[in-house]
Amino acid sequence: MTPDYTTLIHSHTGINGVSVTALSDKDNFDFETRYFWPWSGSNEDPVTGGTHTFLTKYWGTKLNKKKMNSFQSSERTGFMEVELISETKLLIKSNAVIVFEGNSEVF
């Protein structure tokens, strides 16, 4: 998939991102995703936990599963283990790399 980010930006002024998902053809993943958000200043989120808050329920219902593995096939790529705990709770597990660290102080 090669999105045209300029066209995406000009396509609509009221959206924050576009999530694309499909059933995975890889043995160790249930579904795959990509998340484009050029309206936010970055063309694509490499691994998006936020979209998995609704994709987990979508794919869980479709596949009749509570635990699944997802693959985000962005340039950097990443994976998540997701689990539906209840109608309003889910668990997301993955690996992360700290790219920025800091402290905030209130005066």
PDB file of N, CA and C in Angstrom:
ATOM      1  N   MET A   1       0.847  -1.166   0.000  1.00  0.00           N
ATOM      2  CA  MET A   1       0.000   0.000   0.000  1.00  0.00           C
ATOM      3  C   MET A   1       0.896   1.233   0.000  1.00  0.00           C
ATOM      4  N   THR A   2       0.647   2.117  -0.947  1.00  0.00           N
ATOM      5  CA  THR A   2       1.417   3.354  -1.031  1.00  0.00           C
ATOM      6  C   THR A   2       0.438   4.533  -1.046  1.00  0.00           C
ATOM      7  N   PRO A   3       0.110   5.069   0.117  1.00  0.00           N
ATOM      8  CA  PRO A   3      -0.878   6.155   0.166  1.00  0.00           C
ATOM      9  C   PRO A   3      -0.331   7.467  -0.391  1.00  0.00           C
ATOM     10  N   ASP A   4      -1.231   8.256  -0.932  1.00  0.00           N
ATOM     11  CA  ASP A   4      -0.914   9.606  -1.397  1.00  0.00           C
ATOM     12  C   ASP A   4      -1.300  10.548  -0.253  1.00  0.00           C
ATOM     13  N   TYR A   5      -0.316  10.941   0.549  1.00  0.00           N
ATOM     14  CA  TYR A   5      -0.582  11.724   1.755  1.00  0.00           C
ATOM     15  C   TYR A   5      -1.142  13.104   1.450  1.00  0.00           C
ATOM     16  N   THR A   6      -0.707  13.718   0.366  1.00  0.00           N
ATOM     17  CA  THR A   6      -1.226  15.036  -0.005  1.00  0.00           C
ATOM     18  C   THR A   6      -2.715  14.945  -0.305  1.00  0.00           C
ATOM     19  N   THR A   7      -3.104  13.936  -1.057  1.00  0.00           N
ATOM     20  CA  THR A   7      -4.523  13.742  -1.354  1.00  0.00           C
ATOM     21  C   THR A   7      -5.307  13.440  -0.084  1.00  0.00           C
ATOM     22  N   LEU A   8      -4.731  12.622   0.799  1.00  0.00           N
ATOM     23  CA  LEU A   8      -5.398  12.338   2.074  1.00  0.00           C
ATOM     24  C   LEU A   8      -5.646  13.616   2.873  1.00  0.00           C
ATOM     25  N   ILE A   9      -4.627  14.453   2.980  1.00  0.00           N
ATOM     26  CA  ILE A   9      -4.757  15.693   3.745  1.00  0.00           C
ATOM     27  C   ILE A   9      -5.875  16.568   3.187  1.00  0.00           C
ATOM     28  N   HIS A  10      -5.972  16.649   1.870  1.00  0.00           N
ATOM     29  CA  HIS A  10      -6.976  17.509   1.234  1.00  0.00           C
ATOM     30  C   HIS A  10      -8.340  16.838   1.073  1.00  0.00           C
ATOM     31  N   SER A  11      -8.433  15.550   1.416  1.00  0.00           N
ATOM     32  CA  SER A  11      -9.676  14.817   1.184  1.00  0.00           C
ATOM     33  C   SER A  11     -10.787  15.190   2.156  1.00  0.00           C
ATOM     34  N   HIS A  12     -10.405  15.570   3.369  1.00  0.00           N
ATOM     35  CA  HIS A  12     -11.422  15.856   4.373  1.00  0.00           C
ATOM     36  C   HIS A  12     -10.773  16.626   5.520  1.00  0.00           C
ATOM     37  N   THR A  13     -11.503  17.559   6.080  1.00  0.00           N
ATOM     38  CA  THR A  13     -10.928  18.354   7.165  1.00  0.00           C
ATOM     39  C   THR A  13     -11.383  17.898   8.546  1.00  0.00           C
ATOM     40  N   GLY A  14     -12.263  16.924   8.621  1.00  0.00           N
ATOM     41  CA  GLY A  14     -12.801  16.532   9.918  1.00  0.00           C
ATOM     42  C   GLY A  14     -12.360  15.178  10.436  1.00  0.00           C
ATOM     43  N   ILE A  15     -11.328  14.579   9.833  1.00  0.00           N
ATOM     44  CA  ILE A  15     -10.876  13.281  10.334  1.00  0.00           C
ATOM     45  C   ILE A  15      -9.453  13.382  10.845  1.00  0.00           C
ATOM     46  N   ASN A  16      -9.102  12.495  11.756  1.00  0.00           N
ATOM     47  CA  ASN A  16      -7.776  12.508  12.366  1.00  0.00           C
ATOM     48  C   ASN A  16      -6.887  11.393  11.856  1.00  0.00           C
ATOM     49  N   GLY A  17      -7.448  10.377  11.221  1.00  0.00           N
ATOM     50  CA  GLY A  17      -6.639   9.269  10.757  1.00  0.00           C
ATOM     51  C   GLY A  17      -7.458   8.275   9.969  1.00  0.00           C
ATOM     52  N   VAL A  18      -6.742   7.393   9.279  1.00  0.00           N
ATOM     53  CA  VAL A  18      -7.372   6.337   8.503  1.00  0.00           C
ATOM     54  C   VAL A  18      -6.724   5.021   8.915  1.00  0.00           C
ATOM     55  N   SER A  19      -7.532   4.108   9.412  1.00  0.00           N
ATOM     56  CA  SER A  19      -7.042   2.795   9.818  1.00  0.00           C
ATOM     57  C   SER A  19      -7.426   1.782   8.750  1.00  0.00           C
ATOM     58  N   VAL A  20      -6.455   0.973   8.349  1.00  0.00           N
ATOM     59  CA  VAL A  20      -6.680  -0.080   7.359  1.00  0.00           C
ATOM     60  C   VAL A  20      -6.356  -1.407   8.040  1.00  0.00           C
ATOM     61  N   THR A  21      -7.221  -2.394   7.883  1.00  0.00           N
ATOM     62  CA  THR A  21      -7.003  -3.685   8.535  1.00  0.00           C
ATOM     63  C   THR A  21      -7.445  -4.821   7.632  1.00  0.00           C
ATOM     64  N   ALA A  22      -6.828  -5.974   7.818  1.00  0.00           N
ATOM     65  CA  ALA A  22      -7.177  -7.161   7.042  1.00  0.00           C
ATOM     66  C   ALA A  22      -6.795  -8.405   7.828  1.00  0.00           C
ATOM     67  N   LEU A  23      -7.432  -9.494   7.497  1.00  0.00           N
ATOM     68  CA  LEU A  23      -7.065 -10.790   8.037  1.00  0.00           C
ATOM     69  C   LEU A  23      -5.635 -11.077   7.608  1.00  0.00           C
ATOM     70  N   SER A  24      -4.823 -11.586   8.509  1.00  0.00           N
ATOM     71  CA  SER A  24      -3.418 -11.857   8.193  1.00  0.00           C
ATOM     72  C   SER A  24      -3.271 -13.187   7.458  1.00  0.00           C
ATOM     73  N   ASP A  25      -2.321 -13.220   6.528  1.00  0.00           N
ATOM     74  CA  ASP A  25      -1.995 -14.485   5.871  1.00  0.00           C
ATOM     75  C   ASP A  25      -0.742 -15.117   6.482  1.00  0.00           C
ATOM     76  N   LYS A  26      -0.239 -14.501   7.582  1.00  0.00           N
ATOM     77  CA  LYS A  26       0.920 -15.033   8.300  1.00  0.00           C
ATOM     78  C   LYS A  26       0.433 -15.994   9.393  1.00  0.00           C
ATOM     79  N   ASP A  27       1.131 -17.100   9.569  1.00  0.00           N
ATOM     80  CA  ASP A  27       0.709 -18.126  10.532  1.00  0.00           C
ATOM     81  C   ASP A  27       0.628 -17.627  11.971  1.00  0.00           C
ATOM     82  N   ASN A  28       1.512 -16.705  12.373  1.00  0.00           N
ATOM     83  CA  ASN A  28       1.571 -16.297  13.777  1.00  0.00           C
ATOM     84  C   ASN A  28       0.790 -15.012  14.081  1.00  0.00           C
ATOM     85  N   PHE A  29       0.030 -14.496  13.106  1.00  0.00           N
ATOM     86  CA  PHE A  29      -0.778 -13.299  13.347  1.00  0.00           C
ATOM     87  C   PHE A  29      -2.212 -13.542  12.891  1.00  0.00           C
ATOM     88  N   ASP A  30      -3.146 -12.921  13.619  1.00  0.00           N
ATOM     89  CA  ASP A  30      -4.559 -13.041  13.265  1.00  0.00           C
ATOM     90  C   ASP A  30      -4.999 -11.956  12.296  1.00  0.00           C
ATOM     91  N   PHE A  31      -4.531 -10.722  12.534  1.00  0.00           N
ATOM     92  CA  PHE A  31      -4.896  -9.621  11.645  1.00  0.00           C
ATOM     93  C   PHE A  31      -3.739  -8.647  11.525  1.00  0.00           C
ATOM     94  N   GLU A  32      -3.815  -7.806  10.480  1.00  0.00           N
ATOM     95  CA  GLU A  32      -2.779  -6.813  10.224  1.00  0.00           C
ATOM     96  C   GLU A  32      -3.411  -5.438  10.117  1.00  0.00           C
ATOM     97  N   THR A  33      -2.606  -4.419  10.394  1.00  0.00           N
ATOM     98  CA  THR A  33      -3.126  -3.054  10.386  1.00  0.00           C
ATOM     99  C   THR A  33      -2.093  -2.074   9.835  1.00  0.00           C
ATOM    100  N   ARG A  34      -2.605  -0.914   9.452  1.00  0.00           N
ATOM    101  CA  ARG A  34      -1.788   0.277   9.216  1.00  0.00           C
ATOM    102  C   ARG A  34      -2.645   1.460   9.635  1.00  0.00           C
ATOM    103  N   TYR A  35      -1.998   2.539  10.082  1.00  0.00           N
ATOM    104  CA  TYR A  35      -2.738   3.723  10.523  1.00  0.00           C
ATOM    105  C   TYR A  35      -2.068   4.973   9.965  1.00  0.00           C
ATOM    106  N   PHE A  36      -2.784   5.647   9.074  1.00  0.00           N
ATOM    107  CA  PHE A  36      -2.282   6.864   8.427  1.00  0.00           C
ATOM    108  C   PHE A  36      -2.906   8.085   9.092  1.00  0.00           C
ATOM    109  N   TRP A  37      -2.065   9.075   9.406  1.00  0.00           N
ATOM    110  CA  TRP A  37      -2.573  10.273  10.085  1.00  0.00           C
ATOM    111  C   TRP A  37      -1.807  11.530   9.676  1.00  0.00           C
ATOM    112  N   PRO A  38      -1.755  11.845   8.393  1.00  0.00           N
ATOM    113  CA  PRO A  38      -1.003  13.019   7.945  1.00  0.00           C
ATOM    114  C   PRO A  38      -1.573  14.342   8.468  1.00  0.00           C
ATOM    115  N   TRP A  39      -2.796  14.332   8.965  1.00  0.00           N
ATOM    116  CA  TRP A  39      -3.398  15.540   9.532  1.00  0.00           C
ATOM    117  C   TRP A  39      -2.735  15.907  10.850  1.00  0.00           C
ATOM    118  N   SER A  40      -2.007  14.988  11.455  1.00  0.00           N
ATOM    119  CA  SER A  40      -1.368  15.207  12.755  1.00  0.00           C
ATOM    120  C   SER A  40       0.096  15.606  12.639  1.00  0.00           C
ATOM    121  N   GLY A  41       0.621  15.677  11.423  1.00  0.00           N
ATOM    122  CA  GLY A  41       2.011  16.077  11.252  1.00  0.00           C
ATOM    123  C   GLY A  41       2.970  14.930  10.994  1.00  0.00           C
ATOM    124  N   SER A  42       2.512  13.709  11.100  1.00  0.00           N
ATOM    125  CA  SER A  42       3.313  12.520  10.797  1.00  0.00           C
ATOM    126  C   SER A  42       2.463  11.644   9.888  1.00  0.00           C
ATOM    127  N   ASN A  43       3.026  11.155   8.811  1.00  0.00           N
ATOM    128  CA  ASN A  43       2.215  10.432   7.833  1.00  0.00           C
ATOM    129  C   ASN A  43       1.618   9.131   8.342  1.00  0.00           C
ATOM    130  N   GLU A  44       2.394   8.385   9.128  1.00  0.00           N
ATOM    131  CA  GLU A  44       1.912   7.083   9.571  1.00  0.00           C
ATOM    132  C   GLU A  44       2.422   6.785  10.973  1.00  0.00           C
ATOM    133  N   ASP A  45       1.535   6.270  11.808  1.00  0.00           N
ATOM    134  CA  ASP A  45       1.939   5.824  13.135  1.00  0.00           C
ATOM    135  C   ASP A  45       2.485   4.407  12.976  1.00  0.00           C
ATOM    136  N   PRO A  46       3.730   4.162  13.391  1.00  0.00           N
ATOM    137  CA  PRO A  46       4.344   2.857  13.137  1.00  0.00           C
ATOM    138  C   PRO A  46       3.685   1.682  13.860  1.00  0.00           C
ATOM    139  N   VAL A  47       3.254   1.873  15.098  1.00  0.00           N
ATOM    140  CA  VAL A  47       2.567   0.811  15.842  1.00  0.00           C
ATOM    141  C   VAL A  47       1.553   1.503  16.749  1.00  0.00           C
ATOM    142  N   THR A  48       0.275   1.268  16.509  1.00  0.00           N
ATOM    143  CA  THR A  48      -0.781   2.082  17.099  1.00  0.00           C
ATOM    144  C   THR A  48      -1.641   1.326  18.096  1.00  0.00           C
ATOM    145  N   GLY A  49      -1.325   1.452  19.371  1.00  0.00           N
ATOM    146  CA  GLY A  49      -2.154   0.831  20.399  1.00  0.00           C
ATOM    147  C   GLY A  49      -3.557   1.395  20.423  1.00  0.00           C
ATOM    148  N   GLY A  50      -3.685   2.675  20.148  1.00  0.00           N
ATOM    149  CA  GLY A  50      -4.997   3.330  20.197  1.00  0.00           C
ATOM    150  C   GLY A  50      -6.016   2.714  19.257  1.00  0.00           C
ATOM    151  N   THR A  51      -5.616   2.406  18.032  1.00  0.00           N
ATOM    152  CA  THR A  51      -6.578   1.814  17.088  1.00  0.00           C
ATOM    153  C   THR A  51      -6.953   0.390  17.489  1.00  0.00           C
ATOM    154  N   HIS A  52      -6.082  -0.246  18.241  1.00  0.00           N
ATOM    155  CA  HIS A  52      -6.382  -1.614  18.670  1.00  0.00           C
ATOM    156  C   HIS A  52      -7.466  -1.655  19.739  1.00  0.00           C
ATOM    157  N   THR A  53      -7.813  -0.521  20.317  1.00  0.00           N
ATOM    158  CA  THR A  53      -8.914  -0.496  21.277  1.00  0.00           C
ATOM    159  C   THR A  53     -10.231  -0.852  20.602  1.00  0.00           C
ATOM    160  N   PHE A  54     -10.385  -0.544  19.321  1.00  0.00           N
ATOM    161  CA  PHE A  54     -11.605  -0.962  18.614  1.00  0.00           C
ATOM    162  C   PHE A  54     -11.347  -2.128  17.653  1.00  0.00           C
ATOM    163  N   LEU A  55     -10.130  -2.253  17.119  1.00  0.00           N
ATOM    164  CA  LEU A  55      -9.841  -3.369  16.216  1.00  0.00           C
ATOM    165  C   LEU A  55      -9.863  -4.714  16.941  1.00  0.00           C
ATOM    166  N   THR A  56      -9.483  -4.736  18.214  1.00  0.00           N
ATOM    167  CA  THR A  56      -9.511  -5.978  18.982  1.00  0.00           C
ATOM    168  C   THR A  56     -10.931  -6.522  19.078  1.00  0.00           C
ATOM    169  N   LYS A  57     -11.871  -5.660  19.378  1.00  0.00           N
ATOM    170  CA  LYS A  57     -13.263  -6.106  19.476  1.00  0.00           C
ATOM    171  C   LYS A  57     -13.790  -6.516  18.098  1.00  0.00           C
ATOM    172  N   TYR A  58     -13.455  -5.743  17.068  1.00  0.00           N
ATOM    173  CA  TYR A  58     -13.896  -6.062  15.712  1.00  0.00           C
ATOM    174  C   TYR A  58     -13.413  -7.455  15.299  1.00  0.00           C
ATOM    175  N   TRP A  59     -12.085  -7.691  15.401  1.00  0.00           N
ATOM    176  CA  TRP A  59     -11.528  -8.973  14.975  1.00  0.00           C
ATOM    177  C   TRP A  59     -11.897 -10.100  15.939  1.00  0.00           C
ATOM    178  N   GLY A  60     -12.035  -9.797  17.217  1.00  0.00           N
ATOM    179  CA  GLY A  60     -12.462 -10.817  18.170  1.00  0.00           C
ATOM    180  C   GLY A  60     -13.833 -11.361  17.823  1.00  0.00           C
ATOM    181  N   THR A  61     -14.743 -10.474  17.450  1.00  0.00           N
ATOM    182  CA  THR A  61     -16.086 -10.883  17.042  1.00  0.00           C
ATOM    183  C   THR A  61     -16.035 -11.661  15.732  1.00  0.00           C
ATOM    184  N   LYS A  62     -15.294 -11.134  14.775  1.00  0.00           N
ATOM    185  CA  LYS A  62     -15.200 -11.757  13.446  1.00  0.00           C
ATOM    186  C   LYS A  62     -14.552 -13.151  13.504  1.00  0.00           C
ATOM    187  N   LEU A  63     -13.516 -13.294  14.341  1.00  0.00           N
ATOM    188  CA  LEU A  63     -12.779 -14.554  14.424  1.00  0.00           C
ATOM    189  C   LEU A  63     -13.220 -15.447  15.581  1.00  0.00           C
ATOM    190  N   ASN A  64     -14.153 -14.929  16.393  1.00  0.00           N
ATOM    191  CA  ASN A  64     -14.632 -15.642  17.576  1.00  0.00           C
ATOM    192  C   ASN A  64     -13.465 -16.015  18.504  1.00  0.00           C
ATOM    193  N   LYS A  65     -12.637 -15.005  18.807  1.00  0.00           N
ATOM    194  CA  LYS A  65     -11.466 -15.199  19.663  1.00  0.00           C
ATOM    195  C   LYS A  65     -11.397 -14.099  20.714  1.00  0.00           C
ATOM    196  N   LYS A  66     -10.820 -14.418  21.853  1.00  0.00           N
ATOM    197  CA  LYS A  66     -10.554 -13.425  22.905  1.00  0.00           C
ATOM    198  C   LYS A  66      -9.099 -12.967  22.849  1.00  0.00           C
ATOM    199  N   LYS A  67      -8.172 -13.880  22.509  1.00  0.00           N
ATOM    200  CA  LYS A  67      -6.742 -13.563  22.422  1.00  0.00           C
ATOM    201  C   LYS A  67      -6.301 -13.644  20.966  1.00  0.00           C
ATOM    202  N   MET A  68      -5.571 -12.607  20.534  1.00  0.00           N
ATOM    203  CA  MET A  68      -5.109 -12.565  19.150  1.00  0.00           C
ATOM    204  C   MET A  68      -3.749 -11.890  19.069  1.00  0.00           C
ATOM    205  N   ASN A  69      -3.097 -12.064  17.942  1.00  0.00           N
ATOM    206  CA  ASN A  69      -1.841 -11.382  17.644  1.00  0.00           C
ATOM    207  C   ASN A  69      -2.047 -10.523  16.409  1.00  0.00           C
ATOM    208  N   SER A  70      -1.622  -9.268  16.507  1.00  0.00           N
ATOM    209  CA  SER A  70      -1.748  -8.375  15.355  1.00  0.00           C
ATOM    210  C   SER A  70      -0.365  -7.923  14.904  1.00  0.00           C
ATOM    211  N   PHE A  71      -0.279  -7.613  13.617  1.00  0.00           N
ATOM    212  CA  PHE A  71       0.961  -7.126  13.026  1.00  0.00           C
ATOM    213  C   PHE A  71       0.673  -5.795  12.359  1.00  0.00           C
ATOM    214  N   GLN A  72       1.435  -4.769  12.714  1.00  0.00           N
ATOM    215  CA  GLN A  72       1.287  -3.476  12.049  1.00  0.00           C
ATOM    216  C   GLN A  72       2.386  -3.393  11.000  1.00  0.00           C
ATOM    217  N   SER A  73       1.993  -3.383   9.750  1.00  0.00           N
ATOM    218  CA  SER A  73       2.941  -3.498   8.646  1.00  0.00           C
ATOM    219  C   SER A  73       3.389  -2.143   8.106  1.00  0.00           C
ATOM    220  N   SER A  74       3.649  -1.215   9.003  1.00  0.00           N
ATOM    221  CA  SER A  74       4.210   0.081   8.633  1.00  0.00           C
ATOM    222  C   SER A  74       5.676  -0.116   8.251  1.00  0.00           C
ATOM    223  N   GLU A  75       6.348   0.965   7.897  1.00  0.00           N
ATOM    224  CA  GLU A  75       7.764   0.865   7.537  1.00  0.00           C
ATOM    225  C   GLU A  75       8.591   0.287   8.681  1.00  0.00           C
ATOM    226  N   ARG A  76       8.322   0.734   9.919  1.00  0.00           N
ATOM    227  CA  ARG A  76       9.067   0.236  11.081  1.00  0.00           C
ATOM    228  C   ARG A  76       8.556  -1.127  11.532  1.00  0.00           C
ATOM    229  N   THR A  77       7.323  -1.397  11.361  1.00  0.00           N
ATOM    230  CA  THR A  77       6.575  -2.595  11.768  1.00  0.00           C
ATOM    231  C   THR A  77       6.554  -2.793  13.284  1.00  0.00           C
ATOM    232  N   GLY A  78       5.642  -3.603  13.703  1.00  0.00           N
ATOM    233  CA  GLY A  78       5.515  -3.951  15.108  1.00  0.00           C
ATOM    234  C   GLY A  78       4.389  -4.947  15.285  1.00  0.00           C
ATOM    235  N   PHE A  79       4.303  -5.485  16.477  1.00  0.00           N
ATOM    236  CA  PHE A  79       3.251  -6.465  16.751  1.00  0.00           C
ATOM    237  C   PHE A  79       2.667  -6.206  18.127  1.00  0.00           C
ATOM    238  N   MET A  80       1.481  -6.714  18.329  1.00  0.00           N
ATOM    239  CA  MET A  80       0.822  -6.626  19.619  1.00  0.00           C
ATOM    240  C   MET A  80       0.074  -7.923  19.900  1.00  0.00           C
ATOM    241  N   GLU A  81       0.109  -8.332  21.145  1.00  0.00           N
ATOM    242  CA  GLU A  81      -0.767  -9.388  21.633  1.00  0.00           C
ATOM    243  C   GLU A  81      -1.944  -8.662  22.268  1.00  0.00           C
ATOM    244  N   VAL A  82      -3.146  -8.986  21.844  1.00  0.00           N
ATOM    245  CA  VAL A  82      -4.329  -8.318  22.382  1.00  0.00           C
ATOM    246  C   VAL A  82      -5.272  -9.366  22.967  1.00  0.00           C
ATOM    247  N   GLU A  83      -5.974  -8.967  24.019  1.00  0.00           N
ATOM    248  CA  GLU A  83      -6.913  -9.883  24.666  1.00  0.00           C
ATOM    249  C   GLU A  83      -8.132  -9.116  25.140  1.00  0.00           C
ATOM    250  N   LEU A  84      -9.309  -9.601  24.757  1.00  0.00           N
ATOM    251  CA  LEU A  84     -10.560  -9.032  25.246  1.00  0.00           C
ATOM    252  C   LEU A  84     -10.816  -9.577  26.643  1.00  0.00           C
ATOM    253  N   ILE A  85     -10.809  -8.698  27.639  1.00  0.00           N
ATOM    254  CA  ILE A  85     -11.048  -9.094  29.025  1.00  0.00           C
ATOM    255  C   ILE A  85     -12.543  -9.066  29.328  1.00  0.00           C
ATOM    256  N   SER A  86     -13.226  -8.032  28.839  1.00  0.00           N
ATOM    257  CA  SER A  86     -14.672  -7.893  29.018  1.00  0.00           C
ATOM    258  C   SER A  86     -15.183  -6.982  27.901  1.00  0.00           C
ATOM    259  N   GLU A  87     -16.441  -6.620  27.966  1.00  0.00           N
ATOM    260  CA  GLU A  87     -17.015  -5.719  26.957  1.00  0.00           C
ATOM    261  C   GLU A  87     -16.353  -4.340  26.956  1.00  0.00           C
ATOM    262  N   THR A  88     -15.779  -3.946  28.086  1.00  0.00           N
ATOM    263  CA  THR A  88     -15.198  -2.604  28.197  1.00  0.00           C
ATOM    264  C   THR A  88     -13.707  -2.594  28.506  1.00  0.00           C
ATOM    265  N   LYS A  89     -13.082  -3.771  28.579  1.00  0.00           N
ATOM    266  CA  LYS A  89     -11.656  -3.827  28.920  1.00  0.00           C
ATOM    267  C   LYS A  89     -10.905  -4.750  27.974  1.00  0.00           C
ATOM    268  N   LEU A  90      -9.670  -4.342  27.638  1.00  0.00           N
ATOM    269  CA  LEU A  90      -8.799  -5.201  26.869  1.00  0.00           C
ATOM    270  C   LEU A  90      -7.373  -5.029  27.342  1.00  0.00           C
ATOM    271  N   LEU A  91      -6.557  -5.992  27.018  1.00  0.00           N
ATOM    272  CA  LEU A  91      -5.151  -5.987  27.392  1.00  0.00           C
ATOM    273  C   LEU A  91      -4.335  -5.947  26.102  1.00  0.00           C
ATOM    274  N   ILE A  92      -3.342  -5.057  26.053  1.00  0.00           N
ATOM    275  CA  ILE A  92      -2.439  -4.964  24.912  1.00  0.00           C
ATOM    276  C   ILE A  92      -1.026  -5.175  25.428  1.00  0.00           C
ATOM    277  N   LYS A  93      -0.308  -6.122  24.825  1.00  0.00           N
ATOM    278  CA  LYS A  93       1.084  -6.393  25.197  1.00  0.00           C
ATOM    279  C   LYS A  93       1.961  -6.274  23.960  1.00  0.00           C
ATOM    280  N   SER A  94       3.165  -5.716  24.178  1.00  0.00           N
ATOM    281  CA  SER A  94       4.133  -5.625  23.094  1.00  0.00           C
ATOM    282  C   SER A  94       5.473  -5.205  23.659  1.00  0.00           C
ATOM    283  N   ASN A  95       6.417  -4.975  22.803  1.00  0.00           N
ATOM    284  CA  ASN A  95       7.711  -4.430  23.191  1.00  0.00           C
ATOM    285  C   ASN A  95       7.749  -2.958  22.796  1.00  0.00           C
ATOM    286  N   ALA A  96       8.518  -2.180  23.532  1.00  0.00           N
ATOM    287  CA  ALA A  96       8.627  -0.755  23.220  1.00  0.00           C
ATOM    288  C   ALA A  96      10.068  -0.305  23.393  1.00  0.00           C
ATOM    289  N   VAL A  97      10.410   0.751  22.707  1.00  0.00           N
ATOM    290  CA  VAL A  97      11.720   1.375  22.823  1.00  0.00           C
ATOM    291  C   VAL A  97      11.495   2.812  23.255  1.00  0.00           C
ATOM    292  N   ILE A  98      12.139   3.235  24.324  1.00  0.00           N
ATOM    293  CA  ILE A  98      12.020   4.618  24.773  1.00  0.00           C
ATOM    294  C   ILE A  98      12.852   5.483  23.834  1.00  0.00           C
ATOM    295  N   VAL A  99      12.181   6.430  23.174  1.00  0.00           N
ATOM    296  CA  VAL A  99      12.895   7.316  22.252  1.00  0.00           C
ATOM    297  C   VAL A  99      13.048   8.724  22.824  1.00  0.00           C
ATOM    298  N   PHE A 100      12.308   9.016  23.888  1.00  0.00           N
ATOM    299  CA  PHE A 100      12.397  10.327  24.524  1.00  0.00           C
ATOM    300  C   PHE A 100      11.998  10.163  25.979  1.00  0.00           C
ATOM    301  N   GLU A 101      12.719  10.789  26.859  1.00  0.00           N
ATOM    302  CA  GLU A 101      12.404  10.712  28.277  1.00  0.00           C
ATOM    303  C   GLU A 101      12.574  12.092  28.884  1.00  0.00           C
ATOM    304  N   GLY A 102      11.729  12.441  29.820  1.00  0.00           N
ATOM    305  CA  GLY A 102      11.844  13.746  30.454  1.00  0.00           C
ATOM    306  C   GLY A 102      11.009  13.827  31.715  1.00  0.00           C
ATOM    307  N   ASN A 103      11.099  14.960  32.376  1.00  0.00           N
ATOM    308  CA  ASN A 103      10.334  15.229  33.587  1.00  0.00           C
ATOM    309  C   ASN A 103       9.559  16.514  33.398  1.00  0.00           C
ATOM    310  N   SER A 104       8.425  16.573  34.042  1.00  0.00           N
ATOM    311  CA  SER A 104       7.600  17.769  33.995  1.00  0.00           C
ATOM    312  C   SER A 104       7.403  18.260  35.430  1.00  0.00           C
ATOM    313  N   GLU A 105       7.563  19.537  35.611  1.00  0.00           N
ATOM    314  CA  GLU A 105       7.370  20.101  36.939  1.00  0.00           C
ATOM    315  C   GLU A 105       6.320  21.198  36.896  1.00  0.00           C
ATOM    316  N   VAL A 106       5.504  21.248  37.915  1.00  0.00           N
ATOM    317  CA  VAL A 106       4.492  22.284  38.023  1.00  0.00           C
ATOM    318  C   VAL A 106       5.007  23.335  39.000  1.00  0.00           C
ATOM    319  N   PHE A 107       4.990  24.583  38.592  1.00  0.00           N
ATOM    320  CA  PHE A 107       5.463  25.678  39.447  1.00  0.00           C
ATOM    321  C   PHE A 107       4.330  26.477  40.013  1.00  0.00           C
TER     322      PHE A 107
END
